[in-house]
Amino acid sequence: MPYSLVFNFIPETLIPPEYATGRHLNALFITAMNSVDPDLATTLHEQKTTKAFTISPLQKLPRTRRDFPPRVPEILQAQHQLPIPAKTPCWWRVSLLDEQLFGRLSQLWLNLNPRQPWHLGAANLHITSILGTPQSTQPWANACSYEELYETASDSNRRLQFQLATPVAFRQQKYDSALPTPDSVFRSLHNSWKKYSDIELNFATENVFPSYFNIRTEMLDFDFRKKGKSSKFIGAVGRIDFRILGDVNSATIKALNTLSHYALYCGIGRKTTMGMGMALAI
């Protein structure tokens, strides 16, 4: 059963921008896992492809009264250029794709102590809540079994819409591409689905075509504060709609709708364990 968990927290001390990147947040999650299940932490850390979790970049919540309760923007902040001040309400999303992961990490959620900070570099983070069900102002919290994702998916809806919230990129042979084509988007989703779900999907993209897109490219540098080092990735953010055209059977339509809603949990494309590829079906 995939879970999408949102951690709300308040930093006790300032967070330097280089520690708000995916690399350090990935390490934070592995460290938290290690505290309750060292073997699981080692296994997930050593996985090379199709990892069983994803993370988001660190996000700040707006403080203005005009936006209360604060709403999550459609495009998230993938990289911070300035430090995040102490006492700034923030959130961070972690998704779990393997059926057994949530149970093995249950002690992490059940024994959460608001007085015991988590550490992100030199900053102390106090977790105030963990959300695992849909919220009107927080679309990234949810949980749904693979069976329910499949059973509730439409077998007639031919319009598949995505909000790409953090940069999406795809590996093509030796290089990366930031263009979200139907084949690259749905093949990425299907590869994850095959690994973690027992439900076989009648998957094909020959009749799927872009019908609307309002996207732009964004660059991420996971080591942007390290001299002499650079780990840059270019990806697409924004909205893209696909249409299923022509004579397509209902099983294939249902499979494509299933994968669209699965995107919330698994993300799309590369580096989803570093904050890239976050996407919502809309």
Protein backbone atom coordinates (compact mmCIF):
# COMPACT_ATOMS: atom_id res chain seq x y z
CA MET A 1 0.00 0.00 0.00
CA PRO A 2 1.60 3.29 -1.03
CA TYR A 3 1.62 6.15 1.46
CA SER A 4 2.30 9.84 0.95
CA LEU A 5 3.20 11.34 4.33
CA VAL A 6 3.63 15.05 5.02
CA PHE A 7 5.83 16.06 7.95
CA ASN A 8 5.03 19.49 9.38
CA PHE A 9 7.88 20.92 11.40
CA ILE A 10 9.41 24.08 12.81
CA PRO A 11 13.19 24.60 12.75
CA GLU A 12 14.65 25.61 16.08
CA THR A 13 17.65 27.13 14.31
CA LEU A 14 18.35 28.63 10.89
CA ILE A 15 18.56 26.16 7.97
CA PRO A 16 21.32 27.06 5.47
CA PRO A 17 20.09 26.77 1.85
CA GLU A 18 22.55 24.00 0.97
CA TYR A 19 20.96 21.79 3.66
CA ALA A 20 17.48 22.24 2.18
CA THR A 21 18.48 20.28 -0.93
CA GLY A 22 17.46 16.75 -1.82
CA ARG A 23 20.82 15.25 -0.97
CA HIS A 24 20.65 16.25 2.68
CA LEU A 25 16.93 15.50 3.00
CA ASN A 26 17.58 12.04 1.58
CA ALA A 27 20.24 11.55 4.25
CA LEU A 28 17.81 12.79 6.92
CA PHE A 29 15.25 10.15 5.94
CA ILE A 30 17.83 7.34 5.83
CA THR A 31 19.13 8.43 9.26
CA ALA A 32 15.57 8.43 10.68
CA MET A 33 15.01 4.93 9.29
CA ASN A 34 18.32 3.77 10.70
CA SER A 35 17.14 4.69 14.21
CA VAL A 36 14.33 2.09 14.05
CA ASP A 37 15.46 -0.43 11.38
CA PRO A 38 19.18 -0.34 10.45
CA ASP A 39 18.86 -3.24 7.98
CA LEU A 40 16.04 -1.51 6.10
CA ALA A 41 17.99 1.77 6.01
CA THR A 42 21.00 -0.01 4.52
CA THR A 43 18.87 -1.82 1.94
CA LEU A 44 17.12 1.34 0.72
CA HIS A 45 20.35 3.33 0.69
CA GLU A 46 22.04 0.72 -1.51
CA GLN A 47 19.20 0.40 -4.03
CA LYS A 48 20.36 1.70 -7.40
CA THR A 49 17.13 1.94 -9.38
CA THR A 50 13.37 2.15 -8.72
CA LYS A 51 13.76 2.90 -5.03
CA ALA A 52 10.87 2.19 -2.67
CA PHE A 53 10.47 5.77 -1.44
CA THR A 54 10.49 9.35 -2.68
CA ILE A 55 11.03 12.67 -0.93
CA SER A 56 10.12 16.27 -1.62
CA PRO A 57 12.25 19.39 -1.36
CA LEU A 58 11.82 21.28 1.90
CA GLN A 59 8.90 23.73 1.69
CA LYS A 60 8.05 26.85 3.68
CA LEU A 61 4.48 27.69 4.63
CA PRO A 62 3.37 31.28 4.03
CA ARG A 63 2.84 33.36 7.16
CA THR A 64 0.42 35.92 5.75
CA ARG A 65 -3.09 36.06 7.21
CA ARG A 66 -4.48 36.52 3.72
CA ASP A 67 -3.48 32.95 2.98
CA PHE A 68 -4.85 31.20 6.07
CA PRO A 69 -5.04 28.31 6.22
CA PRO A 70 -1.96 28.35 3.99
CA ARG A 71 -2.35 26.62 0.64
CA VAL A 72 0.35 24.66 -1.13
CA PRO A 73 1.40 26.22 -4.47
CA GLU A 74 1.06 24.23 -7.68
CA ILE A 75 4.81 24.46 -8.37
CA LEU A 76 6.96 23.81 -5.32
CA GLN A 77 10.25 25.47 -4.44
CA ALA A 78 12.84 22.96 -5.50
CA GLN A 79 15.89 24.91 -4.32
CA HIS A 80 16.42 27.69 -1.78
CA GLN A 81 18.87 30.51 -2.37
CA LEU A 82 18.53 32.08 1.08
CA PRO A 83 18.60 30.55 4.58
CA ILE A 84 15.30 29.48 6.10
CA PRO A 85 14.91 31.44 9.36
CA ALA A 86 14.31 29.74 12.68
CA LYS A 87 10.64 29.32 13.69
CA THR A 88 9.49 29.25 10.04
CA PRO A 89 6.69 26.65 9.63
CA CYS A 90 7.81 24.13 7.01
CA TRP A 91 6.74 20.81 5.54
CA TRP A 92 8.37 17.87 3.84
CA ARG A 93 6.78 14.94 1.97
CA VAL A 94 7.95 11.31 2.07
CA SER A 95 6.20 8.61 0.05
CA LEU A 96 6.53 4.87 0.66
CA LEU A 97 5.81 2.47 -2.21
CA ASP A 98 6.50 -0.95 -0.75
CA GLU A 99 3.58 -2.61 1.07
CA GLN A 100 5.76 -3.48 4.08
CA LEU A 101 7.64 -0.21 4.49
CA PHE A 102 5.03 1.62 6.52
CA GLY A 103 4.73 -1.23 9.00
CA ARG A 104 8.49 -1.62 9.40
CA LEU A 105 8.76 2.10 10.10
CA SER A 106 5.73 2.26 12.39
CA GLN A 107 7.91 2.88 15.44
CA LEU A 108 9.17 6.02 13.75
CA TRP A 109 5.64 7.43 13.62
CA LEU A 110 4.30 5.99 16.88
CA ASN A 111 7.23 7.11 19.02
CA LEU A 112 7.45 10.58 17.57
CA ASN A 113 8.50 12.96 20.34
CA PRO A 114 7.90 16.66 19.59
CA ARG A 115 10.55 17.54 22.15
CA GLN A 116 13.19 15.39 20.47
CA PRO A 117 14.47 17.24 17.39
CA TRP A 118 15.56 15.74 14.10
CA HIS A 119 18.82 17.09 12.73
CA LEU A 120 19.31 18.60 9.29
CA GLY A 121 22.95 19.62 9.23
CA ALA A 122 23.40 21.87 12.25
CA ALA A 123 19.69 22.76 12.34
CA ASN A 124 17.26 21.14 14.78
CA LEU A 125 13.79 20.36 13.44
CA HIS A 126 10.78 19.82 15.71
CA ILE A 127 8.10 17.69 14.01
CA THR A 128 4.67 19.08 14.92
CA SER A 129 2.48 16.63 12.98
CA ILE A 130 2.45 13.92 10.31
CA LEU A 131 -0.37 13.94 7.77
CA GLY A 132 -1.35 10.76 5.95
CA THR A 133 -4.87 11.56 4.74
CA PRO A 134 -6.10 14.11 2.18
CA GLN A 135 -6.35 17.71 3.39
CA SER A 136 -8.11 20.62 1.71
CA THR A 137 -4.92 22.70 1.84
CA GLN A 138 -2.36 19.89 1.53
CA PRO A 139 -2.80 17.72 -1.59
CA TRP A 140 0.40 15.74 -0.99
CA ALA A 141 -0.92 13.73 1.98
CA ASN A 142 -2.73 10.50 1.09
CA ALA A 143 -2.73 6.72 1.31
CA CYS A 144 -4.38 4.18 -0.96
CA SER A 145 -3.89 0.49 -1.69
CA TYR A 146 -2.79 -0.63 -5.13
CA GLU A 147 -6.07 -2.52 -5.45
CA GLU A 148 -8.08 0.63 -4.71
CA LEU A 149 -6.02 2.71 -7.14
CA TYR A 150 -6.87 0.20 -9.85
CA GLU A 151 -10.51 -0.43 -8.92
CA THR A 152 -11.40 3.27 -8.70
CA ALA A 153 -9.63 4.24 -11.94
CA SER A 154 -11.91 5.20 -14.82
CA ASP A 155 -12.04 2.95 -17.89
CA SER A 156 -13.59 5.71 -20.02
CA ASN A 157 -11.78 8.95 -19.11
CA ARG A 158 -9.58 9.93 -22.06
CA ARG A 159 -8.11 13.14 -20.64
CA LEU A 160 -5.08 12.66 -18.38
CA GLN A 161 -3.85 15.83 -16.68
CA PHE A 162 -0.69 16.33 -14.63
CA GLN A 163 0.71 19.12 -12.51
CA LEU A 164 4.51 18.78 -12.50
CA ALA A 165 5.37 20.34 -9.15
CA THR A 166 9.16 19.81 -9.13
CA PRO A 167 11.51 19.37 -12.10
CA VAL A 168 10.82 16.22 -14.12
CA ALA A 169 13.59 14.68 -16.24
CA PHE A 170 14.15 11.32 -17.94
CA ARG A 171 17.25 9.28 -18.68
CA GLN A 172 17.61 8.52 -22.39
CA GLN A 173 20.64 6.33 -23.07
CA LYS A 174 23.63 8.37 -21.80
CA TYR A 175 21.84 11.70 -21.46
CA ASP A 176 18.84 13.36 -19.80
CA SER A 177 15.75 14.81 -21.44
CA ALA A 178 13.40 17.31 -19.78
CA LEU A 179 10.59 16.81 -22.30
CA PRO A 180 7.62 14.90 -20.78
CA THR A 181 6.48 12.81 -23.75
CA PRO A 182 3.62 10.33 -23.31
CA ASP A 183 5.98 7.37 -23.55
CA SER A 184 8.52 8.74 -21.05
CA VAL A 185 5.86 9.78 -18.52
CA PHE A 186 3.79 6.60 -18.54
CA ARG A 187 6.74 4.23 -18.93
CA SER A 188 8.29 5.77 -15.81
CA LEU A 189 5.04 5.26 -13.89
CA HIS A 190 4.60 1.74 -15.22
CA ASN A 191 8.14 0.68 -14.28
CA SER A 192 7.45 1.61 -10.66
CA TRP A 193 3.99 0.03 -10.68
CA LYS A 194 5.37 -3.29 -11.96
CA LYS A 195 7.93 -3.42 -9.17
CA TYR A 196 5.62 -2.74 -6.23
CA SER A 197 2.15 -3.87 -7.34
CA ASP A 198 0.91 -7.39 -8.08
CA ILE A 199 -1.72 -6.06 -10.48
CA GLU A 200 -0.80 -6.42 -14.14
CA LEU A 201 -1.77 -3.48 -16.33
CA ASN A 202 -2.60 -3.54 -20.04
CA PHE A 203 -0.19 -0.67 -20.74
CA ALA A 204 0.31 1.09 -24.10
CA THR A 205 0.94 4.71 -25.17
CA GLU A 206 0.61 4.58 -28.97
CA ASN A 207 -2.69 6.47 -28.83
CA VAL A 208 -1.72 9.01 -26.13
CA PHE A 209 -0.93 12.54 -27.35
CA PRO A 210 -0.27 15.91 -25.65
CA SER A 211 -3.36 18.15 -25.92
CA TYR A 212 -2.30 21.06 -23.69
CA PHE A 213 0.92 22.09 -22.00
CA ASN A 214 2.13 25.09 -20.06
CA ILE A 215 5.57 23.99 -18.93
CA ARG A 216 8.99 25.52 -18.46
CA THR A 217 12.41 24.19 -17.60
CA GLU A 218 14.05 24.59 -14.20
CA MET A 219 17.60 23.74 -13.18
CA LEU A 220 18.61 22.12 -9.91
CA ASP A 221 22.13 21.92 -8.54
CA PHE A 222 22.32 19.58 -5.57
CA ASP A 223 25.87 20.71 -4.74
CA PHE A 224 25.50 24.39 -5.59
CA ARG A 225 27.43 25.60 -2.51
CA LYS A 226 30.40 23.23 -2.92
CA LYS A 227 33.46 24.65 -4.63
CA GLY A 228 34.59 22.68 -7.61
CA LYS A 229 31.56 20.39 -7.52
CA SER A 230 28.33 20.54 -9.46
CA SER A 231 25.43 18.14 -9.80
CA LYS A 232 23.05 19.96 -12.12
CA PHE A 233 19.81 18.62 -13.53
CA ILE A 234 17.32 20.30 -15.85
CA GLY A 235 13.65 19.31 -15.66
CA ALA A 236 10.18 20.45 -16.63
CA VAL A 237 7.61 22.01 -14.28
CA GLY A 238 4.06 23.16 -14.98
CA ARG A 239 0.97 21.54 -16.41
CA ILE A 240 0.60 19.00 -19.20
CA ASP A 241 -2.55 17.25 -20.46
CA PHE A 242 -2.68 14.11 -22.57
CA ARG A 243 -5.57 12.77 -24.67
CA ILE A 244 -6.26 9.14 -25.50
CA LEU A 245 -7.34 9.17 -29.16
CA GLY A 246 -8.75 6.60 -31.52
CA ASP A 247 -9.84 3.02 -30.94
CA VAL A 248 -8.46 2.07 -27.52
CA ASN A 249 -9.93 -0.70 -25.37
CA SER A 250 -11.28 0.02 -21.89
CA ALA A 251 -8.54 -2.04 -20.17
CA THR A 252 -5.83 0.21 -21.59
CA ILE A 253 -7.77 3.36 -20.67
CA LYS A 254 -8.18 2.03 -17.12
CA ALA A 255 -4.44 1.26 -16.92
CA LEU A 256 -3.47 4.77 -18.01
CA ASN A 257 -5.88 6.34 -15.51
CA THR A 258 -4.50 4.09 -12.76
CA LEU A 259 -0.94 5.16 -13.53
CA SER A 260 -1.97 8.83 -13.60
CA HIS A 261 -3.23 8.67 -10.01
CA TYR A 262 -0.25 6.57 -8.92
CA ALA A 263 2.01 9.52 -9.86
CA LEU A 264 1.22 11.17 -6.50
CA TYR A 265 3.13 8.40 -4.73
CA CYS A 266 5.94 7.34 -7.05
CA GLY A 267 6.73 10.57 -8.90
CA ILE A 268 7.81 10.75 -12.53
CA GLY A 269 11.26 10.35 -14.03
CA ARG A 270 14.67 10.66 -12.39
CA LYS A 271 15.94 11.53 -8.90
CA THR A 272 12.61 11.18 -7.12
CA THR A 273 14.51 10.30 -3.92
CA MET A 274 16.20 13.72 -4.18
CA GLY A 275 13.04 15.82 -4.58
CA MET A 276 12.60 15.75 -8.35
CA GLY A 277 9.62 14.41 -10.28
CA MET A 278 6.76 15.28 -7.92
CA ALA A 279 3.50 15.17 -9.88
CA LEU A 280 -0.25 15.22 -9.28
CA ALA A 281 -3.09 14.03 -11.48
CA ILE A 282 -5.55 16.92 -11.70
